[in-house]
Amino acid sequence: MLKGKKVIVFGERDDIPATTVSTCLKAAGAEVVYENNACFV
């Protein structure tokens, strides 16, 4: 479903990190062009 799509991933430092989301999206066929973790307070 995501094959060939480019995605930008934002993760949260204390919750779900961007690397985890990126891994799932790559497995679904997406190309991760940017990933970043942030602290939302």
PDB file of N, CA and C in Angstrom:
ATOM      1  N   MET A   1       0.807  -1.186   0.000  1.00  0.00           N
ATOM      2  CA  MET A   1       0.000   0.000   0.000  1.00  0.00           C
ATOM      3  C   MET A   1       0.861   1.266   0.000  1.00  0.00           C
ATOM      4  N   LEU A   2       2.015   1.227   0.629  1.00  0.00           N
ATOM      5  CA  LEU A   2       2.892   2.389   0.670  1.00  0.00           C
ATOM      6  C   LEU A   2       4.063   2.291  -0.305  1.00  0.00           C
ATOM      7  N   LYS A   3       4.065   1.269  -1.118  1.00  0.00           N
ATOM      8  CA  LYS A   3       5.181   1.045  -2.032  1.00  0.00           C
ATOM      9  C   LYS A   3       5.365   2.237  -2.955  1.00  0.00           C
ATOM     10  N   GLY A   4       6.588   2.764  -2.974  1.00  0.00           N
ATOM     11  CA  GLY A   4       6.911   3.894  -3.830  1.00  0.00           C
ATOM     12  C   GLY A   4       6.567   5.252  -3.245  1.00  0.00           C
ATOM     13  N   LYS A   5       5.987   5.291  -2.059  1.00  0.00           N
ATOM     14  CA  LYS A   5       5.628   6.564  -1.420  1.00  0.00           C
ATOM     15  C   LYS A   5       6.811   7.070  -0.593  1.00  0.00           C
ATOM     16  N   LYS A   6       6.988   8.375  -0.567  1.00  0.00           N
ATOM     17  CA  LYS A   6       8.015   8.995   0.265  1.00  0.00           C
ATOM     18  C   LYS A   6       7.338   9.542   1.514  1.00  0.00           C
ATOM     19  N   VAL A   7       7.958   9.300   2.667  1.00  0.00           N
ATOM     20  CA  VAL A   7       7.348   9.723   3.926  1.00  0.00           C
ATOM     21  C   VAL A   7       8.339  10.489   4.792  1.00  0.00           C
ATOM     22  N   ILE A   8       7.788  11.350   5.631  1.00  0.00           N
ATOM     23  CA  ILE A   8       8.538  12.070   6.660  1.00  0.00           C
ATOM     24  C   ILE A   8       8.003  11.569   7.996  1.00  0.00           C
ATOM     25  N   VAL A   9       8.906  11.188   8.893  1.00  0.00           N
ATOM     26  CA  VAL A   9       8.500  10.583  10.154  1.00  0.00           C
ATOM     27  C   VAL A   9       8.948  11.453  11.327  1.00  0.00           C
ATOM     28  N   PHE A  10       8.006  11.763  12.197  1.00  0.00           N
ATOM     29  CA  PHE A  10       8.308  12.453  13.446  1.00  0.00           C
ATOM     30  C   PHE A  10       7.966  11.514  14.596  1.00  0.00           C
ATOM     31  N   GLY A  11       8.935  11.285  15.465  1.00  0.00           N
ATOM     32  CA  GLY A  11       8.716  10.446  16.622  1.00  0.00           C
ATOM     33  C   GLY A  11       8.799  11.269  17.889  1.00  0.00           C
ATOM     34  N   GLU A  12       8.432  10.659  18.988  1.00  0.00           N
ATOM     35  CA  GLU A  12       8.444  11.344  20.276  1.00  0.00           C
ATOM     36  C   GLU A  12       9.461  10.668  21.168  1.00  0.00           C
ATOM     37  N   ARG A  13      10.279  11.429  21.810  1.00  0.00           N
ATOM     38  CA  ARG A  13      11.382  10.898  22.605  1.00  0.00           C
ATOM     39  C   ARG A  13      10.925   9.943  23.695  1.00  0.00           C
ATOM     40  N   ASP A  14       9.838  10.253  24.393  1.00  0.00           N
ATOM     41  CA  ASP A  14       9.394   9.434  25.517  1.00  0.00           C
ATOM     42  C   ASP A  14       8.304   8.436  25.156  1.00  0.00           C
ATOM     43  N   ASP A  15       7.877   8.403  23.926  1.00  0.00           N
ATOM     44  CA  ASP A  15       6.787   7.515  23.522  1.00  0.00           C
ATOM     45  C   ASP A  15       7.288   6.579  22.422  1.00  0.00           C
ATOM     46  N   ILE A  16       6.898   6.787  21.213  1.00  0.00           N
ATOM     47  CA  ILE A  16       7.321   5.934  20.100  1.00  0.00           C
ATOM     48  C   ILE A  16       8.371   6.683  19.281  1.00  0.00           C
ATOM     49  N   PRO A  17       9.621   6.182  19.264  1.00  0.00           N
ATOM     50  CA  PRO A  17      10.672   6.872  18.529  1.00  0.00           C
ATOM     51  C   PRO A  17      10.506   6.756  17.016  1.00  0.00           C
ATOM     52  N   ALA A  18      11.066   7.720  16.317  1.00  0.00           N
ATOM     53  CA  ALA A  18      10.955   7.765  14.863  1.00  0.00           C
ATOM     54  C   ALA A  18      11.573   6.531  14.203  1.00  0.00           C
ATOM     55  N   THR A  19      12.623   5.982  14.785  1.00  0.00           N
ATOM     56  CA  THR A  19      13.266   4.811  14.186  1.00  0.00           C
ATOM     57  C   THR A  19      12.324   3.611  14.153  1.00  0.00           C
ATOM     58  N   THR A  20      11.497   3.474  15.170  1.00  0.00           N
ATOM     59  CA  THR A  20      10.522   2.379  15.212  1.00  0.00           C
ATOM     60  C   THR A  20       9.470   2.541  14.127  1.00  0.00           C
ATOM     61  N   VAL A  21       8.954   3.750  13.988  1.00  0.00           N
ATOM     62  CA  VAL A  21       7.956   4.031  12.958  1.00  0.00           C
ATOM     63  C   VAL A  21       8.576   3.854  11.577  1.00  0.00           C
ATOM     64  N   SER A  22       9.797   4.329  11.393  1.00  0.00           N
ATOM     65  CA  SER A  22      10.487   4.203  10.112  1.00  0.00           C
ATOM     66  C   SER A  22      10.670   2.747   9.702  1.00  0.00           C
ATOM     67  N   THR A  23      11.022   1.911  10.657  1.00  0.00           N
ATOM     68  CA  THR A  23      11.208   0.489  10.378  1.00  0.00           C
ATOM     69  C   THR A  23       9.914  -0.143   9.862  1.00  0.00           C
ATOM     70  N   CYS A  24       8.803   0.201  10.489  1.00  0.00           N
ATOM     71  CA  CYS A  24       7.505  -0.329  10.058  1.00  0.00           C
ATOM     72  C   CYS A  24       7.135   0.174   8.668  1.00  0.00           C
ATOM     73  N   LEU A  25       7.366   1.455   8.425  1.00  0.00           N
ATOM     74  CA  LEU A  25       7.023   2.026   7.121  1.00  0.00           C
ATOM     75  C   LEU A  25       7.892   1.453   6.005  1.00  0.00           C
ATOM     76  N   LYS A  26       9.171   1.249   6.293  1.00  0.00           N
ATOM     77  CA  LYS A  26      10.065   0.643   5.295  1.00  0.00           C
ATOM     78  C   LYS A  26       9.613  -0.776   4.966  1.00  0.00           C
ATOM     79  N   ALA A  27       9.166  -1.515   5.976  1.00  0.00           N
ATOM     80  CA  ALA A  27       8.675  -2.869   5.752  1.00  0.00           C
ATOM     81  C   ALA A  27       7.420  -2.874   4.893  1.00  0.00           C
ATOM     82  N   ALA A  28       6.655  -1.780   4.941  1.00  0.00           N
ATOM     83  CA  ALA A  28       5.439  -1.655   4.135  1.00  0.00           C
ATOM     84  C   ALA A  28       5.732  -1.121   2.737  1.00  0.00           C
ATOM     85  N   GLY A  29       7.017  -0.814   2.457  1.00  0.00           N
ATOM     86  CA  GLY A  29       7.402  -0.402   1.115  1.00  0.00           C
ATOM     87  C   GLY A  29       7.635   1.081   0.930  1.00  0.00           C
ATOM     88  N   ALA A  30       7.509   1.872   1.986  1.00  0.00           N
ATOM     89  CA  ALA A  30       7.707   3.319   1.877  1.00  0.00           C
ATOM     90  C   ALA A  30       9.191   3.664   1.893  1.00  0.00           C
ATOM     91  N   GLU A  31       9.514   4.824   1.339  1.00  0.00           N
ATOM     92  CA  GLU A  31      10.873   5.346   1.388  1.00  0.00           C
ATOM     93  C   GLU A  31      10.883   6.491   2.398  1.00  0.00           C
ATOM     94  N   VAL A  32      11.645   6.326   3.475  1.00  0.00           N
ATOM     95  CA  VAL A  32      11.728   7.357   4.508  1.00  0.00           C
ATOM     96  C   VAL A  32      12.776   8.372   4.066  1.00  0.00           C
ATOM     97  N   VAL A  33      12.342   9.602   3.819  1.00  0.00           N
ATOM     98  CA  VAL A  33      13.261  10.638   3.368  1.00  0.00           C
ATOM     99  C   VAL A  33      13.768  11.500   4.513  1.00  0.00           C
ATOM    100  N   TYR A  34      13.058  11.500   5.642  1.00  0.00           N
ATOM    101  CA  TYR A  34      13.476  12.273   6.811  1.00  0.00           C
ATOM    102  C   TYR A  34      12.833  11.678   8.044  1.00  0.00           C
ATOM    103  N   GLU A  35      13.617  11.583   9.113  1.00  0.00           N
ATOM    104  CA  GLU A  35      13.052  11.141  10.395  1.00  0.00           C
ATOM    105  C   GLU A  35      13.660  11.980  11.513  1.00  0.00           C
ATOM    106  N   ASN A  36      12.855  12.281  12.501  1.00  0.00           N
ATOM    107  CA  ASN A  36      13.295  13.127  13.593  1.00  0.00           C
ATOM    108  C   ASN A  36      12.542  12.762  14.873  1.00  0.00           C
ATOM    109  N   ASN A  37      13.266  12.790  15.983  1.00  0.00           N
ATOM    110  CA  ASN A  37      12.643  12.622  17.298  1.00  0.00           C
ATOM    111  C   ASN A  37      12.544  13.986  17.950  1.00  0.00           C
ATOM    112  N   ALA A  38      11.468  14.205  18.677  1.00  0.00           N
ATOM    113  CA  ALA A  38      11.265  15.467  19.368  1.00  0.00           C
ATOM    114  C   ALA A  38      10.717  15.195  20.759  1.00  0.00           C
ATOM    115  N   CYS A  39      10.801  16.199  21.598  1.00  0.00           N
ATOM    116  CA  CYS A  39      10.223  16.119  22.939  1.00  0.00           C
ATOM    117  C   CYS A  39       9.074  17.108  22.998  1.00  0.00           C
ATOM    118  N   PHE A  40       7.859  16.597  23.017  1.00  0.00           N
ATOM    119  CA  PHE A  40       6.683  17.449  23.060  1.00  0.00           C
ATOM    120  C   PHE A  40       6.207  17.590  24.502  1.00  0.00           C
ATOM    121  N   VAL A  41       6.341  18.776  25.036  1.00  0.00           N
ATOM    122  CA  VAL A  41       5.886  19.042  26.398  1.00  0.00           C
ATOM    123  C   VAL A  41       4.941  20.224  26.410  1.00  0.00           C
TER     124      VAL A  41
END
